Amino acid sequence: MKTQPCSLADLTLLGQRSYPVRLVPCVAIAILVSSVAGADENWPRLRGANNTGVMQSAELPAPVKQDNILWQVDIPGKGHSSPVVWGDRIFLLTSIADEQPSSAPTKGKKKGRKKGAGASAFSWVALCLDRETGKTLWKKEFPKKNFKGHRYNSAASSTPAVDEKRVVFTRGTADMLTMFALSPEDGSELWSTDLGPVNGGHGYGASPMLHGDLVVLNNDQEKQSGNLLAVHADTGKVAWTVERRSQRISYSVPCVYDDEEGERLIFTNWQHGFTAVDPQTGNVIADKSVFNTETNERAISSPVMAGPDLVIGTCGFTSNPKHCVAMRLEGSEWKEIWRIERNVPHIPSVLVVGELAFLIDDSGIGTCVTAATGEEHWRERLPNVQGKIFGSPVSDGSHIYFVDESGVVHSIAASKEFQPVGQFELKDGCQTTPAISQDTLFVRSASKLTAIR
């Protein structure tokens, strides 16, 4: 196991309540890391445990070279669902389209246009693969439905969530959002829950998270038609919902804010800003609008904890202003600590490694700041980025990894000094976030899943 300087941020990455570092020697922290269930092997949701994007116990190759390819397998169909890992198994979602659209787009005026026009019929397939070999252990196919979305979206953009008892998927169409849980062992269906239609021209793409005995989902949609919700992980029955005034569909996945006052789920949204919710009751504890509500924006990237009591979230839209805001929860009130409004990522999430926060924007400009204060250390164009960056960066604590849309795996040092390390071409387009498990980086590209060690 690597030894590194210890900080409050390191403790936060473990999902534990904070303790004074002077009372916790580094050896004790190493023991604590190994005692957390699956801390050295599991990547249970989009961007791993509590959305950190960091696996401190891993040691990944930097730069990545051809010799580091452990295996590479073909994935049927298409999807931007990122891989998750539990034990010796990898899970992801894909979709297989009919050759022809289910109905042709209506020419001329939109008035009277038939619902679903221009959509294609897809069958959704849940996949389970062996972590060491890439062999498919099981797959489960679901009936075809019509899906329509933005050209950068896919019918299978939702990343599953997994624990020892179940793996949970969501798929959404204009007609119905469905959440379903499968057995990680054999793919048998445990339950399925319909959660109403999806209102959003870009199409569905939100991902669930497991928190204790609940599955939590940001179901913000267009024109106040969505909600925040949780279902019971054992049954799929709805535990609570929170009404929203959202104006645009969101894809942000919540994180857990855990301090001496207890746990709160933190959601980000264009209209609501930052929302803190009691995970057991669904009661809203604090809600503060901090983004520009006068321009069209969308929360796509997910909030992340930076230390024991600071959370960082972003919001924006293409050429409109974008905002990265750090907030602290003080009782039932949010307090803004700092903000950045230059080269802020629209789709990729912020990455916090130790005391540093890294912003890698969609165009390939990286920024490093002190997470606690927002003080900038460097802002540089990352070398050899080909096209946009859709996935979020991840880290082993020493290096940062991200993949551009051309399928180039980039690595840079996770440090106050700008240090590009290298690039490796997968030669397959990519719009997903890598997963890390037991010194292995898993990258789902357009047609393949690649293990890098």
Protein backbone atom coordinates (compact mmCIF):
# COMPACT_ATOMS: atom_id res chain seq x y z
CA MET A 1 0.00 0.00 0.00
CA LYS A 2 1.29 3.46 -0.85
CA THR A 3 2.23 5.80 1.96
CA GLN A 4 1.31 9.46 1.50
CA PRO A 5 0.99 12.58 3.62
CA CYS A 6 -2.17 12.44 5.71
CA SER A 7 -4.81 15.15 5.72
CA LEU A 8 -8.42 15.72 6.65
CA ALA A 9 -9.27 15.30 2.98
CA ASP A 10 -7.75 11.81 3.04
CA LEU A 11 -10.09 10.87 5.87
CA THR A 12 -13.05 12.29 4.00
CA LEU A 13 -12.28 10.10 1.01
CA LEU A 14 -12.94 7.12 3.27
CA GLY A 15 -16.51 8.29 3.82
CA GLN A 16 -15.89 8.50 7.55
CA ARG A 17 -16.65 11.27 10.02
CA SER A 18 -13.69 13.61 10.43
CA TYR A 19 -11.14 13.27 13.25
CA PRO A 20 -8.22 15.53 14.15
CA VAL A 21 -5.26 14.33 12.11
CA ARG A 22 -2.91 14.74 15.10
CA LEU A 23 -4.81 11.93 16.84
CA VAL A 24 -4.71 9.54 13.88
CA PRO A 25 -1.25 8.33 12.85
CA CYS A 26 -0.72 7.41 9.21
CA VAL A 27 -0.39 3.74 10.17
CA ALA A 28 -3.84 3.88 11.74
CA ILE A 29 -5.22 5.50 8.58
CA ALA A 30 -3.77 2.64 6.51
CA ILE A 31 -5.53 0.16 8.78
CA LEU A 32 -8.75 2.15 8.51
CA VAL A 33 -8.54 2.12 4.71
CA SER A 34 -8.17 -1.65 4.63
CA SER A 35 -11.04 -2.13 7.09
CA VAL A 36 -13.58 -0.23 4.99
CA ALA A 37 -15.66 -2.84 3.12
CA GLY A 38 -14.10 -3.26 -0.29
CA ALA A 39 -12.03 -0.07 0.02
CA ASP A 40 -9.22 -1.59 -2.05
CA GLU A 41 -11.34 -3.20 -4.74
CA ASN A 42 -14.86 -1.84 -5.10
CA TRP A 43 -16.03 1.03 -7.33
CA PRO A 44 -19.73 0.97 -6.44
CA ARG A 45 -21.18 3.85 -8.47
CA LEU A 46 -20.33 6.55 -10.99
CA ARG A 47 -16.94 7.95 -9.87
CA GLY A 48 -16.58 5.40 -7.09
CA ALA A 49 -17.25 5.69 -3.38
CA ASN A 50 -19.17 8.88 -2.57
CA ASN A 51 -18.37 10.33 -5.99
CA THR A 52 -14.73 10.97 -5.04
CA GLY A 53 -13.23 9.55 -8.23
CA VAL A 54 -10.22 8.52 -6.12
CA MET A 55 -8.88 5.10 -5.11
CA GLN A 56 -5.99 5.95 -2.78
CA SER A 57 -4.91 2.32 -2.35
CA ALA A 58 -4.38 1.75 -6.08
CA GLU A 59 -1.12 2.05 -7.96
CA LEU A 60 -1.76 2.63 -11.66
CA PRO A 61 0.77 2.85 -14.50
CA ALA A 62 1.76 6.35 -15.56
CA PRO A 63 2.16 6.83 -18.40
CA VAL A 64 -0.06 4.09 -19.80
CA LYS A 65 1.66 1.95 -22.45
CA GLN A 66 0.66 -0.97 -24.64
CA ASP A 67 2.23 -3.41 -22.19
CA ASN A 68 -0.23 -2.20 -19.55
CA ILE A 69 -3.26 -3.56 -21.43
CA LEU A 70 -4.37 -6.52 -19.33
CA TRP A 71 -7.29 -7.35 -21.63
CA GLN A 72 -9.72 -5.74 -24.05
CA VAL A 73 -13.13 -7.13 -24.99
CA ASP A 74 -15.91 -6.07 -27.34
CA ILE A 75 -19.11 -4.63 -25.86
CA PRO A 76 -22.27 -5.08 -27.96
CA GLY A 77 -24.39 -2.11 -28.94
CA LYS A 78 -23.79 1.43 -27.72
CA GLY A 79 -23.84 3.23 -24.42
CA HIS A 80 -22.09 5.80 -22.27
CA SER A 81 -22.74 3.85 -19.08
CA SER A 82 -19.47 3.75 -17.12
CA PRO A 83 -18.27 0.52 -15.49
CA VAL A 84 -18.69 -0.21 -11.78
CA VAL A 85 -16.89 -2.94 -9.85
CA TRP A 86 -17.78 -5.11 -6.88
CA GLY A 87 -15.51 -7.95 -5.84
CA ASP A 88 -14.35 -9.81 -8.94
CA ARG A 89 -17.17 -8.50 -11.17
CA ILE A 90 -17.69 -5.53 -13.48
CA PHE A 91 -21.17 -4.23 -14.35
CA LEU A 92 -22.38 -1.88 -17.06
CA LEU A 93 -25.38 -1.11 -19.26
CA THR A 94 -25.54 -1.07 -23.05
CA SER A 95 -28.25 -0.64 -25.67
CA ILE A 96 -28.80 -2.23 -29.06
CA ALA A 97 -30.77 -0.26 -31.63
CA ASP A 98 -33.04 -1.39 -34.42
CA GLU A 99 -31.60 -0.66 -37.83
CA GLN A 100 -34.45 1.70 -38.72
CA PRO A 101 -36.06 4.50 -36.65
CA SER A 102 -39.41 3.50 -35.20
CA SER A 103 -41.01 6.54 -36.79
CA ALA A 104 -39.61 9.17 -39.13
CA PRO A 105 -39.29 12.79 -37.95
CA THR A 106 -42.19 14.96 -39.00
CA LYS A 107 -41.24 17.64 -41.51
CA GLY A 108 -42.34 21.23 -41.13
CA LYS A 109 -44.05 22.61 -38.07
CA LYS A 110 -43.79 20.88 -34.73
CA LYS A 111 -47.49 21.43 -34.10
CA GLY A 112 -49.29 18.15 -34.05
CA ARG A 113 -46.07 16.20 -34.10
CA LYS A 114 -46.59 12.72 -32.79
CA LYS A 115 -45.00 11.85 -29.45
CA GLY A 116 -41.90 9.73 -30.00
CA ALA A 117 -41.38 10.87 -33.58
CA GLY A 118 -37.77 10.42 -34.62
CA ALA A 119 -37.10 7.96 -31.79
CA SER A 120 -35.42 4.62 -32.34
CA ALA A 121 -36.28 1.31 -30.74
CA PHE A 122 -33.61 -0.06 -28.42
CA SER A 123 -33.22 -3.17 -26.34
CA TRP A 124 -31.26 -2.59 -23.12
CA VAL A 125 -28.69 -5.16 -21.97
CA ALA A 126 -27.18 -5.37 -18.49
CA LEU A 127 -23.73 -6.98 -18.54
CA CYS A 128 -21.56 -8.64 -15.89
CA LEU A 129 -17.91 -9.37 -16.72
CA ASP A 130 -15.04 -11.00 -14.87
CA ARG A 131 -12.62 -8.39 -13.56
CA GLU A 132 -9.47 -10.39 -14.30
CA THR A 133 -10.31 -11.72 -17.76
CA GLY A 134 -13.11 -9.58 -19.22
CA LYS A 135 -15.16 -12.73 -19.83
CA THR A 136 -18.93 -12.18 -19.85
CA LEU A 137 -20.38 -13.97 -16.81
CA TRP A 138 -24.00 -13.10 -17.52
CA LYS A 139 -26.16 -10.71 -19.47
CA LYS A 140 -29.80 -9.79 -19.19
CA GLU A 141 -31.76 -8.24 -22.04
CA PHE A 142 -34.84 -6.09 -21.56
CA PRO A 143 -37.71 -5.50 -23.99
CA LYS A 144 -37.40 -2.86 -26.67
CA LYS A 145 -38.61 0.67 -26.14
CA ASN A 146 -38.32 3.91 -28.07
CA PHE A 147 -35.60 6.36 -27.06
CA LYS A 148 -34.76 9.81 -28.39
CA GLY A 149 -32.02 12.08 -27.11
CA HIS A 150 -29.20 14.50 -27.86
CA ARG A 151 -26.56 13.33 -30.33
CA TYR A 152 -24.05 13.18 -27.46
CA ASN A 153 -26.40 11.11 -25.31
CA SER A 154 -27.16 7.40 -25.65
CA ALA A 155 -30.03 5.14 -24.68
CA ALA A 156 -27.70 3.60 -22.07
CA SER A 157 -25.93 6.57 -20.49
CA SER A 158 -26.90 5.68 -16.92
CA THR A 159 -24.16 4.08 -14.80
CA PRO A 160 -25.36 1.33 -12.41
CA ALA A 161 -24.83 1.21 -8.64
CA VAL A 162 -23.79 -1.99 -6.87
CA ASP A 163 -23.26 -3.51 -3.44
CA GLU A 164 -22.98 -7.07 -2.15
CA LYS A 165 -26.70 -7.73 -2.53
CA ARG A 166 -27.77 -6.13 -5.80
CA VAL A 167 -26.78 -4.14 -8.85
CA VAL A 168 -29.25 -1.36 -9.71
CA PHE A 169 -29.83 0.05 -13.20
CA THR A 170 -32.06 2.77 -14.60
CA ARG A 171 -33.32 3.26 -18.14
CA GLY A 172 -35.48 6.15 -19.20
CA THR A 173 -37.68 6.94 -22.17
CA ALA A 174 -40.30 9.60 -22.77
CA ASP A 175 -42.91 7.07 -21.67
CA MET A 176 -41.32 5.58 -18.57
CA LEU A 177 -38.34 5.74 -16.23
CA THR A 178 -37.67 2.25 -14.88
CA MET A 179 -35.33 1.28 -12.05
CA PHE A 180 -34.49 -2.39 -11.68
CA ALA A 181 -32.28 -4.47 -9.39
CA LEU A 182 -30.53 -7.67 -10.45
CA SER A 183 -28.61 -10.31 -8.52
CA PRO A 184 -24.87 -9.70 -8.93
CA GLU A 185 -24.36 -13.46 -8.99
CA ASP A 186 -26.54 -14.52 -11.89
CA GLY A 187 -28.44 -11.47 -13.20
CA SER A 188 -31.83 -12.68 -11.98
CA GLU A 189 -34.30 -9.85 -11.45
CA LEU A 190 -34.93 -8.91 -7.82
CA TRP A 191 -37.41 -6.10 -8.46
CA SER A 192 -38.45 -3.47 -10.97
CA THR A 193 -40.11 -0.11 -10.33
CA ASP A 194 -41.70 2.32 -12.79
CA LEU A 195 -41.16 5.95 -11.81
CA GLY A 196 -43.22 7.85 -14.39
CA PRO A 197 -42.34 9.46 -17.73
CA VAL A 198 -39.19 11.41 -18.56
CA ASN A 199 -39.57 15.01 -19.72
CA GLY A 200 -36.32 16.22 -21.30
CA GLY A 201 -35.33 16.81 -24.89
CA HIS A 202 -31.75 15.63 -24.36
CA GLY A 203 -33.01 12.25 -23.18
CA TYR A 204 -32.43 10.38 -19.94
CA GLY A 205 -28.95 9.91 -18.45
CA ALA A 206 -29.02 10.13 -14.64
CA SER A 207 -27.37 7.44 -12.52
CA PRO A 208 -28.52 5.90 -9.21
CA MET A 209 -26.49 5.59 -6.01
CA LEU A 210 -26.86 3.11 -3.16
CA HIS A 211 -26.84 4.56 0.33
CA GLY A 212 -27.46 2.10 3.12
CA ASP A 213 -30.82 0.46 2.48
CA LEU A 214 -31.87 3.08 -0.09
CA VAL A 215 -31.34 3.69 -3.78
CA VAL A 216 -31.20 7.45 -4.39
CA LEU A 217 -31.81 9.14 -7.74
CA ASN A 218 -31.72 12.72 -8.99
CA ASN A 219 -34.82 12.75 -11.16
CA ASP A 220 -34.86 16.49 -11.94
CA GLN A 221 -36.64 17.01 -15.27
CA GLU A 222 -37.90 19.78 -17.54
CA LYS A 223 -40.69 22.17 -16.54
CA GLN A 224 -40.92 21.11 -12.88
CA SER A 225 -42.04 17.61 -13.82
CA GLY A 226 -39.32 15.71 -11.96
CA ASN A 227 -38.31 15.09 -8.36
CA LEU A 228 -35.63 13.76 -6.06
CA LEU A 229 -36.40 10.27 -4.87
CA ALA A 230 -35.29 7.22 -2.93
CA VAL A 231 -36.55 3.65 -3.10
CA HIS A 232 -36.01 0.80 -0.66
CA ALA A 233 -33.08 -1.23 -1.93
CA ASP A 234 -34.66 -4.56 -0.91
CA THR A 235 -38.04 -4.01 -2.57
CA GLY A 236 -37.91 -1.11 -5.02
CA LYS A 237 -40.82 0.58 -3.26
CA VAL A 238 -40.59 4.36 -3.14
CA ALA A 239 -39.40 5.59 0.27
CA TRP A 240 -39.70 9.34 -0.36
CA THR A 241 -39.84 11.98 -3.05
CA VAL A 242 -39.00 15.69 -3.01
CA GLU A 243 -40.93 18.09 -5.25
CA ARG A 244 -38.78 20.37 -7.40
CA ARG A 245 -39.02 23.50 -9.49
CA SER A 246 -36.37 22.29 -11.95
CA GLN A 247 -36.62 23.73 -15.46
CA ARG A 248 -34.10 21.49 -17.20
CA ILE A 249 -33.30 17.80 -16.91
CA SER A 250 -30.24 17.13 -14.71
CA TYR A 251 -27.70 14.32 -14.80
CA SER A 252 -25.88 15.16 -11.57
CA VAL A 253 -25.50 12.33 -9.03
CA PRO A 254 -25.63 13.29 -5.32
CA CYS A 255 -22.87 12.83 -2.76
CA VAL A 256 -23.04 12.33 1.01
CA TYR A 257 -22.14 15.23 3.34
CA ASP A 258 -21.28 13.69 6.71
CA ASP A 259 -20.23 15.71 9.75
CA GLU A 260 -21.03 15.89 13.47
CA GLU A 261 -24.65 16.77 12.63
CA GLY A 262 -25.14 13.58 10.61
CA GLU A 263 -25.51 12.58 6.99
CA ARG A 264 -27.13 14.67 4.25
CA LEU A 265 -27.50 13.95 0.56
CA ILE A 266 -26.24 16.86 -1.57
CA PHE A 267 -27.83 17.54 -4.96
CA THR A 268 -26.95 20.24 -7.50
CA ASN A 269 -29.39 21.80 -9.95
CA TRP A 270 -29.60 24.91 -12.13
CA GLN A 271 -32.61 26.47 -10.36
CA HIS A 272 -32.16 25.05 -6.86
CA GLY A 273 -28.38 25.37 -6.65
CA PHE A 274 -27.28 23.21 -3.71
CA THR A 275 -29.87 21.10 -1.87
CA ALA A 276 -29.22 19.12 1.33
CA VAL A 277 -31.69 16.32 2.05
CA ASP A 278 -32.10 14.03 5.05
CA PRO A 279 -31.48 10.57 3.52
CA GLN A 280 -33.89 8.80 5.86
CA THR A 281 -36.92 11.08 5.50
CA GLY A 282 -36.38 13.09 2.32
CA ASN A 283 -36.83 16.32 4.29
CA VAL A 284 -35.03 19.27 2.72
CA ILE A 285 -32.57 20.70 5.25
CA ALA A 286 -31.08 23.49 3.15
CA ASP A 287 -31.62 24.79 -0.38
CA LYS A 288 -29.77 27.71 -1.94
CA SER A 289 -29.72 28.98 -5.52
CA VAL A 290 -26.15 29.97 -6.46
CA PHE A 291 -26.08 29.62 -10.25
CA ASN A 292 -27.28 32.06 -12.94
CA THR A 293 -31.02 31.47 -13.24
CA GLU A 294 -31.36 34.05 -16.02
CA THR A 295 -29.53 31.93 -18.63
CA ASN A 296 -30.16 28.36 -19.67
CA GLU A 297 -27.95 26.06 -17.64
CA ARG A 298 -27.86 22.40 -16.72
CA ALA A 299 -26.26 20.43 -13.86
CA ILE A 300 -24.48 17.51 -15.50
CA SER A 301 -21.36 17.05 -13.39
CA SER A 302 -21.75 15.77 -9.83
CA PRO A 303 -20.88 17.43 -6.51
CA VAL A 304 -17.88 16.18 -4.54
CA MET A 305 -16.72 16.60 -0.95
CA ALA A 306 -13.50 18.54 -0.33
CA GLY A 307 -12.51 17.93 3.26
CA PRO A 308 -15.00 17.17 6.02
CA ASP A 309 -17.36 20.11 5.54
CA LEU A 310 -16.93 21.57 2.05
CA VAL A 311 -18.74 20.48 -1.11
CA ILE A 312 -17.91 21.62 -4.65
CA GLY A 313 -20.44 21.64 -7.50
CA THR A 314 -20.68 23.04 -11.02
CA CYS A 315 -23.39 24.15 -13.42
CA GLY A 316 -23.52 25.80 -16.85
CA PHE A 317 -24.31 25.24 -20.49
CA THR A 318 -22.11 25.10 -23.62
CA SER A 319 -21.16 28.70 -24.50
CA ASN A 320 -23.08 30.23 -21.57
CA PRO A 321 -21.27 31.06 -18.33
CA LYS A 322 -20.28 28.13 -16.14
CA HIS A 323 -19.84 28.20 -12.40
CA CYS A 324 -17.80 26.13 -9.95
CA VAL A 325 -18.92 26.90 -6.40
CA ALA A 326 -17.67 25.62 -3.04
CA MET A 327 -20.27 25.61 -0.26
CA ARG A 328 -20.29 24.85 3.44
CA LEU A 329 -23.38 23.73 5.32
CA GLU A 330 -23.85 25.58 8.61
CA GLY A 331 -26.90 24.11 10.31
CA SER A 332 -29.77 24.72 7.91
CA GLU A 333 -27.97 27.39 5.88
CA TRP A 334 -25.55 27.19 2.98
CA LYS A 335 -22.52 29.51 3.01
CA GLU A 336 -20.58 30.18 -0.18
CA ILE A 337 -16.81 29.84 0.36
CA TRP A 338 -15.39 30.46 -3.12
CA ARG A 339 -16.29 30.30 -6.78
CA ILE A 340 -14.55 30.03 -10.16
CA GLU A 341 -16.19 31.12 -13.43
CA ARG A 342 -13.38 30.61 -15.93
CA ASN A 343 -12.60 27.32 -17.70
CA VAL A 344 -15.18 25.51 -15.57
CA PRO A 345 -16.17 22.03 -16.78
CA HIS A 346 -19.70 21.59 -18.07
CA ILE A 347 -19.83 17.78 -18.21
CA PRO A 348 -16.75 16.45 -16.31
CA SER A 349 -16.93 16.57 -12.51
CA VAL A 350 -14.40 18.26 -10.25
CA LEU A 351 -11.74 15.94 -8.78
CA VAL A 352 -10.39 16.44 -5.25
CA VAL A 353 -7.09 14.72 -4.41
CA GLY A 354 -5.85 15.45 -0.90
CA GLU A 355 -5.81 19.21 -0.42
CA LEU A 356 -6.09 20.02 -4.13
CA ALA A 357 -9.07 20.33 -6.47
CA PHE A 358 -8.67 19.78 -10.21
CA LEU A 359 -11.02 21.15 -12.87
CA ILE A 360 -10.65 19.61 -16.33
CA ASP A 361 -13.01 21.36 -18.70
CA ASP A 362 -14.66 19.93 -21.78
CA SER A 363 -12.17 21.58 -24.15
CA GLY A 364 -9.04 20.27 -22.40
CA ILE A 365 -8.00 23.14 -20.14
CA GLY A 366 -7.01 22.04 -16.65
CA THR A 367 -6.98 24.09 -13.45
CA CYS A 368 -5.53 23.20 -10.05
CA VAL A 369 -6.62 25.05 -6.90
CA THR A 370 -6.44 24.60 -3.17
CA ALA A 371 -9.72 22.88 -2.37
CA ALA A 372 -10.31 24.77 0.88
CA THR A 373 -9.83 28.27 -0.54
CA GLY A 374 -9.98 28.17 -4.35
CA GLU A 375 -6.45 29.60 -4.59
CA GLU A 376 -5.15 28.84 -8.09
CA HIS A 377 -1.86 27.01 -8.61
CA TRP A 378 -1.95 26.44 -12.35
CA ARG A 379 -4.22 26.73 -15.36
CA GLU A 380 -2.91 25.05 -18.52
CA ARG A 381 -4.06 23.55 -21.79
CA LEU A 382 -3.60 19.80 -21.46
CA PRO A 383 -1.39 18.44 -24.26
CA ASN A 384 -2.72 16.42 -27.20
CA VAL A 385 -6.40 16.41 -26.22
CA GLN A 386 -8.33 15.24 -29.27
CA GLY A 387 -11.91 16.51 -29.32
CA LYS A 388 -14.09 17.10 -26.27
CA ILE A 389 -13.88 15.52 -22.82
CA PHE A 390 -17.14 13.95 -21.69
CA GLY A 391 -16.02 11.64 -18.89
CA SER A 392 -14.78 12.76 -15.48
CA PRO A 393 -11.18 12.43 -14.27
CA VAL A 394 -10.20 9.79 -11.70
CA SER A 395 -7.07 9.30 -9.60
CA ASP A 396 -5.00 6.81 -7.63
CA GLY A 397 -3.82 9.64 -5.38
CA SER A 398 -0.61 10.18 -7.32
CA HIS A 399 -1.81 10.70 -10.89
CA ILE A 400 -4.98 11.86 -12.61
CA TYR A 401 -6.49 9.94 -15.54
CA PHE A 402 -9.11 11.04 -18.05
CA VAL A 403 -10.11 9.97 -21.55
CA ASP A 404 -11.00 12.31 -24.41
CA GLU A 405 -13.70 11.58 -27.00
CA SER A 406 -11.11 10.17 -29.44
CA GLY A 407 -10.19 7.51 -26.90
CA VAL A 408 -6.86 8.93 -25.75
CA VAL A 409 -6.07 8.07 -22.12
CA HIS A 410 -4.29 11.05 -20.52
CA SER A 411 -2.33 11.08 -17.27
CA ILE A 412 -1.01 14.06 -15.32
CA ALA A 413 0.52 14.39 -11.87
CA ALA A 414 -1.88 15.20 -9.04
CA SER A 415 0.28 18.06 -7.79
CA LYS A 416 0.57 21.84 -7.41
CA GLU A 417 2.99 21.82 -10.35
CA PHE A 418 1.65 21.18 -13.84
CA GLN A 419 3.19 17.87 -14.89
CA PRO A 420 1.76 16.06 -17.93
CA VAL A 421 2.87 12.43 -17.83
CA GLY A 422 1.68 10.88 -21.07
CA GLN A 423 -1.06 9.70 -23.42
CA PHE A 424 -2.16 6.34 -24.77
CA GLU A 425 -4.51 5.85 -27.71
CA LEU A 426 -7.22 3.24 -27.36
CA LYS A 427 -8.24 3.95 -30.98
CA ASP A 428 -11.90 3.80 -30.00
CA GLY A 429 -14.06 6.83 -29.14
CA CYS A 430 -14.94 7.39 -25.50
CA GLN A 431 -17.54 9.40 -23.54
CA THR A 432 -17.36 7.64 -20.18
CA THR A 433 -15.64 7.83 -16.79
CA PRO A 434 -13.04 5.16 -15.92
CA ALA A 435 -13.30 2.90 -12.88
CA ILE A 436 -10.44 1.81 -10.60
CA SER A 437 -10.16 -1.52 -8.81
CA GLN A 438 -7.11 -3.37 -7.45
CA ASP A 439 -4.45 -1.47 -9.37
CA THR A 440 -6.48 -1.68 -12.58
CA LEU A 441 -8.07 1.10 -14.62
CA PHE A 442 -11.22 0.06 -16.54
CA VAL A 443 -12.24 2.18 -19.53
CA ARG A 444 -15.48 1.67 -21.42
CA SER A 445 -15.10 3.10 -24.93
CA ALA A 446 -17.50 3.13 -27.88
CA SER A 447 -17.26 -0.59 -28.61
CA LYS A 448 -14.88 -2.05 -26.03
CA LEU A 449 -14.03 -2.42 -22.36
CA THR A 450 -10.30 -2.19 -21.63
CA ALA A 451 -8.43 -3.19 -18.46
CA ILE A 452 -5.17 -1.27 -17.86
CA ARG A 453 -2.72 -2.42 -15.17
